[in-house]
Protein backbone atom coordinates (compact mmCIF):
# COMPACT_ATOMS: atom_id res chain seq x y z
CA UNK A 1 0.00 0.00 0.00
CA UNK A 2 2.80 2.32 0.88
CA UNK A 3 4.50 1.81 -2.50
CA UNK A 4 1.20 2.41 -4.35
CA UNK A 5 0.59 5.67 -2.52
CA UNK A 6 4.08 6.90 -3.42
CA UNK A 7 3.71 6.32 -7.17
CA UNK A 8 1.61 9.41 -8.00
CA UNK A 9 4.10 11.74 -6.32
CA UNK A 10 6.96 10.06 -8.19
CA UNK A 11 5.06 10.45 -11.47
CA UNK A 12 4.43 14.14 -10.76
CA UNK A 13 8.08 14.61 -9.92
CA UNK A 14 9.17 13.01 -13.21
CA UNK A 15 6.71 15.18 -15.14
CA UNK A 16 7.99 18.30 -13.39
CA UNK A 17 11.57 17.37 -14.23
CA UNK A 18 10.59 16.78 -17.88
CA UNK A 19 8.89 20.20 -18.08
CA UNK A 20 11.91 21.87 -16.49
CA UNK A 21 14.33 20.17 -18.87
CA UNK A 22 12.20 21.18 -21.89
CA UNK A 23 12.10 24.79 -20.69
CA UNK A 24 15.83 24.74 -20.08
CA UNK A 25 16.42 23.38 -23.59
CA UNK A 26 14.29 26.14 -25.11
CA UNK A 27 16.11 28.80 -23.10
CA UNK A 28 19.42 27.27 -24.17
CA UNK A 29 18.44 27.62 -27.86
CA UNK A 30 17.57 31.31 -27.47
CA UNK A 31 20.73 31.90 -25.47
CA UNK A 32 22.66 30.19 -28.27
CA UNK A 33 21.45 32.77 -30.81
CA UNK A 34 22.44 35.64 -28.52
CA UNK A 35 25.80 33.99 -27.84
CA UNK A 36 26.41 33.68 -31.60
CA UNK A 37 25.68 37.39 -32.07
CA UNK A 38 28.00 38.29 -29.17
CA UNK A 39 30.71 36.00 -30.53
CA UNK A 40 30.44 37.68 -33.92
CA UNK A 41 30.90 41.10 -32.33
CA UNK A 42 33.87 39.86 -30.29
CA UNK A 43 35.52 38.48 -33.44
CA UNK A 44 34.94 41.80 -35.18
CA UNK A 45 36.46 43.62 -32.20
CA UNK A 46 39.55 41.40 -32.37
CA UNK A 47 39.89 42.25 -36.05
CA UNK A 48 39.76 45.95 -35.17
CA UNK A 49 43.28 45.80 -33.79
CA UNK A 50 44.57 44.64 -37.18
CA UNK A 51 42.45 46.69 -39.59
CA UNK A 52 39.88 49.46 -39.60
CA UNK A 53 36.39 48.09 -39.06
CA UNK A 54 33.71 49.47 -41.37
CA UNK A 55 29.95 49.08 -41.10
CA UNK A 56 27.91 47.79 -44.04
CA UNK A 57 26.73 51.35 -44.74
CA UNK A 58 30.30 52.66 -44.84
CA UNK A 59 31.43 49.82 -47.11
CA UNK A 60 28.59 50.41 -49.58
CA UNK A 61 29.22 54.17 -49.60
CA UNK A 62 32.97 53.62 -50.08
CA UNK A 63 32.27 51.39 -53.09
CA UNK A 64 30.05 54.12 -54.54
CA UNK A 65 32.39 57.08 -53.97
CA UNK A 66 34.65 58.23 -56.79
CA UNK A 67 38.21 58.08 -55.46
CA UNK A 68 39.47 61.48 -56.65
CA UNK A 69 36.22 63.44 -56.87
CA UNK A 70 34.96 62.27 -53.47
CA UNK A 71 31.24 62.01 -54.24
CA UNK A 72 28.80 59.41 -55.56
CA UNK A 73 27.34 59.46 -59.06
CA UNK A 74 24.62 62.08 -59.54
CA UNK A 75 22.66 59.47 -61.53
CA UNK A 76 22.55 56.93 -58.70
CA UNK A 77 19.04 57.10 -57.22
CA UNK A 78 19.28 53.69 -55.50
CA UNK A 79 21.97 54.30 -52.90
CA UNK A 80 19.72 56.28 -50.52
CA UNK A 81 17.30 53.40 -49.90
CA UNK A 82 20.17 50.91 -50.14
CA UNK A 83 21.95 52.54 -47.20
CA UNK A 84 18.77 52.32 -45.09
CA UNK A 85 18.58 48.62 -45.90
CA UNK A 86 22.21 48.32 -44.79
CA UNK A 87 21.29 49.84 -41.42
CA UNK A 88 18.56 47.28 -40.80
CA UNK A 89 20.84 44.37 -41.73
CA UNK A 90 23.73 45.77 -39.65
CA UNK A 91 21.44 46.02 -36.61
CA UNK A 92 20.18 42.48 -37.23
CA UNK A 93 23.72 41.08 -37.52
CA UNK A 94 24.59 42.80 -34.23
CA UNK A 95 21.65 41.12 -32.50
CA UNK A 96 19.57 44.30 -32.06
CA UNK A 97 16.67 43.55 -34.45
CA UNK A 98 14.69 40.53 -35.58
CA UNK A 99 11.45 39.72 -37.38
CA UNK A 100 8.36 38.79 -35.42
CA UNK A 101 7.49 35.07 -35.32
CA UNK A 102 5.84 33.89 -38.53
CA UNK A 103 3.01 32.24 -36.56
CA UNK A 104 0.71 29.40 -37.53
CA UNK A 105 -0.40 31.15 -40.72
CA UNK A 106 3.21 31.36 -41.97
CA UNK A 107 3.22 35.05 -42.90
CA UNK A 108 5.63 36.07 -45.65
CA UNK A 109 8.85 37.97 -44.92
CA UNK A 110 7.49 41.29 -46.19
CA UNK A 111 4.37 40.98 -44.01
CA UNK A 112 6.22 40.40 -40.75
CA UNK A 113 7.03 43.30 -38.43
CA UNK A 114 10.49 44.35 -37.27
CA UNK A 115 10.98 43.83 -33.52
CA UNK A 116 13.63 45.36 -31.27
CA UNK A 117 15.54 42.46 -29.70
CA UNK A 118 17.99 44.59 -27.71
CA UNK A 119 18.29 48.36 -27.29
CA UNK A 120 21.92 48.24 -26.16
CA UNK A 121 23.90 51.09 -27.80
CA UNK A 122 25.96 50.08 -30.84
CA UNK A 123 28.48 52.91 -30.62
CA UNK A 124 27.38 54.22 -34.02
CA UNK A 125 25.19 57.35 -33.96
CA UNK A 126 23.23 56.50 -37.13
CA UNK A 127 22.54 52.92 -36.03
CA UNK A 128 21.47 54.04 -32.55
CA UNK A 129 19.16 56.67 -34.06
CA UNK A 130 17.49 54.07 -36.31
CA UNK A 131 17.28 51.59 -33.42
CA UNK A 132 15.54 54.16 -31.20
CA UNK A 133 12.93 54.88 -33.90
CA UNK A 134 12.18 51.16 -34.30
CA UNK A 135 12.05 50.52 -30.56
CA UNK A 136 9.70 53.46 -29.84
CA UNK A 137 7.27 52.78 -32.70
CA UNK A 138 4.01 51.02 -31.84
CA UNK A 139 2.53 49.17 -33.58
CA UNK A 140 5.71 47.86 -35.28
CA UNK A 141 6.37 48.38 -39.00
CA UNK A 142 7.57 46.01 -41.73
CA UNK A 143 11.04 46.05 -43.33
CA UNK A 144 9.68 47.70 -46.48
CA UNK A 145 8.01 50.42 -44.41
CA UNK A 146 11.17 51.12 -42.41
CA UNK A 147 13.29 51.50 -45.55
CA UNK A 148 10.78 54.06 -46.85
CA UNK A 149 10.36 55.86 -43.51
CA UNK A 150 14.10 56.14 -42.81
CA UNK A 151 14.58 57.43 -46.39
CA UNK A 152 11.81 60.01 -45.99
CA UNK A 153 9.80 58.44 -48.81
CA UNK A 154 6.39 58.80 -47.20
CA UNK A 155 3.34 60.94 -47.92
CA UNK A 156 2.27 60.89 -44.28
CA UNK A 157 3.43 64.19 -42.68
CA UNK A 158 3.11 62.61 -39.22
CA UNK A 159 5.87 60.14 -40.10
CA UNK A 160 8.40 62.54 -41.62
CA UNK A 161 10.29 62.67 -38.30
CA UNK A 162 11.51 59.12 -38.97
CA UNK A 163 13.70 60.31 -41.84
CA UNK A 164 17.44 60.06 -41.18
CA UNK A 165 18.91 63.20 -42.72
CA UNK A 166 22.30 63.75 -44.38
CA UNK A 167 23.13 60.05 -44.16
CA UNK A 168 25.78 60.06 -46.90
CA UNK A 169 27.51 63.11 -45.43
CA UNK A 170 27.47 61.63 -41.93
CA UNK A 171 28.84 58.31 -43.16
CA UNK A 172 31.56 60.14 -45.09
CA UNK A 173 32.53 62.01 -41.92
CA UNK A 174 32.79 58.67 -40.11
CA UNK A 175 35.18 57.50 -42.82
CA UNK A 176 37.16 60.75 -42.44
CA UNK A 177 37.50 60.05 -38.71
CA UNK A 178 38.69 56.52 -39.51
CA UNK A 179 41.37 57.92 -41.82
CA UNK A 180 39.85 56.53 -45.03
CA UNK A 181 38.67 59.81 -46.62
CA UNK A 182 39.55 63.48 -46.38
CA UNK A 183 37.38 66.61 -46.69
CA UNK A 184 37.60 69.22 -49.46
CA UNK A 185 35.47 71.95 -51.03
CA UNK A 186 34.77 71.72 -54.74
CA UNK A 187 33.25 74.44 -56.91
CA UNK A 188 30.41 73.49 -59.28
CA UNK A 189 29.83 76.82 -61.12
CA UNK A 190 26.79 77.97 -59.13
CA UNK A 191 27.56 76.37 -55.79
CA UNK A 192 30.28 74.88 -53.61
CA UNK A 193 30.00 71.27 -52.46
CA UNK A 194 31.81 69.43 -49.70
CA UNK A 195 33.54 66.36 -51.13
CA UNK A 196 35.42 63.48 -49.53
CA UNK A 197 38.23 62.15 -51.76
CA UNK A 198 39.94 58.88 -50.90
CA UNK A 199 43.07 59.26 -48.78
CA UNK A 200 43.72 55.66 -47.68
CA UNK A 201 43.69 53.54 -50.84
CA UNK A 202 44.77 50.41 -48.93
CA UNK A 203 41.42 50.08 -47.14
CA UNK A 204 39.47 50.67 -50.37
CA UNK A 205 41.58 48.08 -52.21
CA UNK A 206 41.08 45.60 -49.38
CA UNK A 207 37.32 46.12 -49.57
CA UNK A 208 37.25 45.70 -53.36
CA UNK A 209 39.38 42.55 -53.13
CA UNK A 210 37.07 41.11 -50.46
CA UNK A 211 34.08 41.56 -52.77
CA UNK A 212 35.93 40.14 -55.78
CA UNK A 213 37.32 37.13 -53.90
CA UNK A 214 33.90 36.24 -52.49
CA UNK A 215 32.61 35.47 -56.00
CA UNK A 216 35.89 34.28 -57.55
CA UNK A 217 38.72 32.62 -55.57
CA UNK A 218 36.65 32.07 -52.39
CA UNK A 219 33.35 31.20 -54.07
CA UNK A 220 31.58 28.40 -52.15
CA UNK A 221 28.44 27.93 -54.30
CA UNK A 222 26.21 27.96 -51.21
CA UNK A 223 25.02 31.26 -49.69
CA UNK A 224 24.65 29.68 -46.24
CA UNK A 225 28.33 28.75 -46.17
CA UNK A 226 29.30 32.33 -46.98
CA UNK A 227 30.04 34.85 -44.25
CA UNK A 228 26.72 36.61 -43.56
CA UNK A 229 28.31 40.06 -43.62
CA UNK A 230 30.00 39.44 -46.99
CA UNK A 231 26.80 37.99 -48.47
CA UNK A 232 24.84 41.02 -47.24
CA UNK A 233 27.50 43.36 -48.68
CA UNK A 234 27.22 41.80 -52.15
CA UNK A 235 23.42 41.86 -52.22
CA UNK A 236 23.08 45.37 -50.77
CA UNK A 237 25.86 46.79 -52.95
CA UNK A 238 23.92 45.50 -55.95
CA UNK A 239 20.68 47.03 -54.62
CA UNK A 240 22.55 50.34 -54.16
CA UNK A 241 23.90 50.15 -57.73
CA UNK A 242 27.57 50.28 -56.65
CA UNK A 243 28.63 46.64 -57.06
CA UNK A 244 29.84 47.21 -60.63
CA UNK A 245 32.52 49.56 -59.26
CA UNK A 246 34.16 46.65 -57.42
CA UNK A 247 34.24 44.53 -60.60
CA UNK A 248 35.47 47.29 -62.94
CA UNK A 249 39.20 46.39 -62.59
CA UNK A 250 38.58 42.72 -63.49
CA UNK A 251 39.47 41.20 -66.84
CA UNK A 252 36.57 40.32 -69.12
CA UNK A 253 36.45 36.60 -68.31
CA UNK A 254 36.69 37.27 -64.55
CA UNK A 255 34.02 39.97 -64.80
CA UNK A 256 31.64 37.63 -66.63
CA UNK A 257 32.18 34.87 -64.06
CA UNK A 258 31.73 37.27 -61.12
CA UNK A 259 28.49 38.70 -62.52
CA UNK A 260 27.18 35.21 -63.30
CA UNK A 261 27.67 34.19 -59.68
CA UNK A 262 26.14 37.42 -58.38
CA UNK A 263 23.07 36.79 -60.54
CA UNK A 264 22.84 33.27 -59.09
CA UNK A 265 22.60 34.89 -55.63
CA UNK A 266 20.00 37.39 -56.83
CA UNK A 267 17.86 34.58 -58.24
CA UNK A 268 17.55 32.88 -54.84
CA UNK A 269 14.11 32.92 -53.22
CA UNK A 270 14.34 34.90 -49.94
CA UNK A 271 11.29 33.13 -48.47
CA UNK A 272 12.93 29.74 -48.97
CA UNK A 273 16.43 30.82 -47.92
CA UNK A 274 15.19 32.41 -44.70
CA UNK A 275 13.86 29.05 -43.44
CA UNK A 276 17.24 27.30 -43.64
CA UNK A 277 19.35 26.69 -40.50
CA UNK A 278 21.28 29.70 -39.15
CA UNK A 279 19.71 32.02 -41.75
CA UNK A 280 19.16 35.64 -40.74
CA UNK A 281 15.48 36.25 -41.52
CA UNK A 282 15.70 40.03 -41.40
CA UNK A 283 18.56 40.09 -43.90
CA UNK A 284 16.54 38.01 -46.36
CA UNK A 285 13.53 40.24 -45.73
CA UNK A 286 15.61 43.28 -46.77
CA UNK A 287 16.75 41.39 -49.88
CA UNK A 288 13.11 40.56 -50.66
CA UNK A 289 12.15 44.23 -50.28
CA UNK A 290 14.67 45.24 -52.96
CA UNK A 291 14.03 42.36 -55.37
CA UNK A 292 10.23 42.12 -55.22
C-alpha cells in the first residue's frame, strides 16, 4: 500500500523534471542565438586591432564614392534606400533587431514586423538613431516600411520625423574620422559642395578585393556557407547600384564569371532561404524588399 501511494508523487516529480528540462532546452536555444551574435561582435572587435572596421553602410558608400572626386554618381538614385537597408541588416547582424514570429499562418517575410531584440547602444550614432525609432514605434512596422520611412519616402506628414537626414555626409565624416577619406570643397559653377576624396587607398583596395574574392577565388556555391556580412554586402551593394565599381578592374572573363555568380545569388528565393538553419530572416527580408 505504501508503494502504491508513493507512485503518483513520483510520477508528478518526473513530469515536473521533464517540463523543467524542456524549458531549459528552449532557453538554451535562445541563449545560443544571442551567444552567436556576441561571438560575432567579439571576433569583429579582435579584427579591429589589425584593420579598420567598417559598417555595411560605410562599405557600400565607399564602393560608390569616386576616389578622386569624393562624391557618388549624380545618376545613382538607389543608394539612398540601399543605405537604409544596410542599417537594418547591420542592426540584425549585431543582435539588435529581428522579425516577429511567422506564426501558424506562416506570414511572408514582407508581411512580418520588425521587432527590437535589444536596445543596447551600438556605438554608431546612425545605427542608434534608427534603433531608437524602431524601438519606440508602436505598432511595429515592416522592413519595407522602415526602408521608406528612414529614407523620408512617405506621404504621411506625421511620419516625416523618422527620416534620417544627411546620411551620406554623416557616413563620409565617419570615414574621415577613420582615416579613409579626407574633406575638401569643390566648386560646381553655381555652388560649392563638400567632397570626400579617398586618402587611404589600402582600405578601399582591401574592400574591393574582399568583394571580388567572395565570388571568384573564395566562391563556395552555397550562400549559407558564406560569411553573412560578406553575403549582405554583395546583395546590398547591388541594390545600391555600386557593385559594378568593385568589378570594374577585373578582366573580361573574370568579370563575366563574377556577374554570373552574383546573378545566381540574386535569383535565390528569400522566403525559402530564410527558413534554412542559421539564416538571418531580417537580412533576407531586406533582400526581398529590394528584389520584389
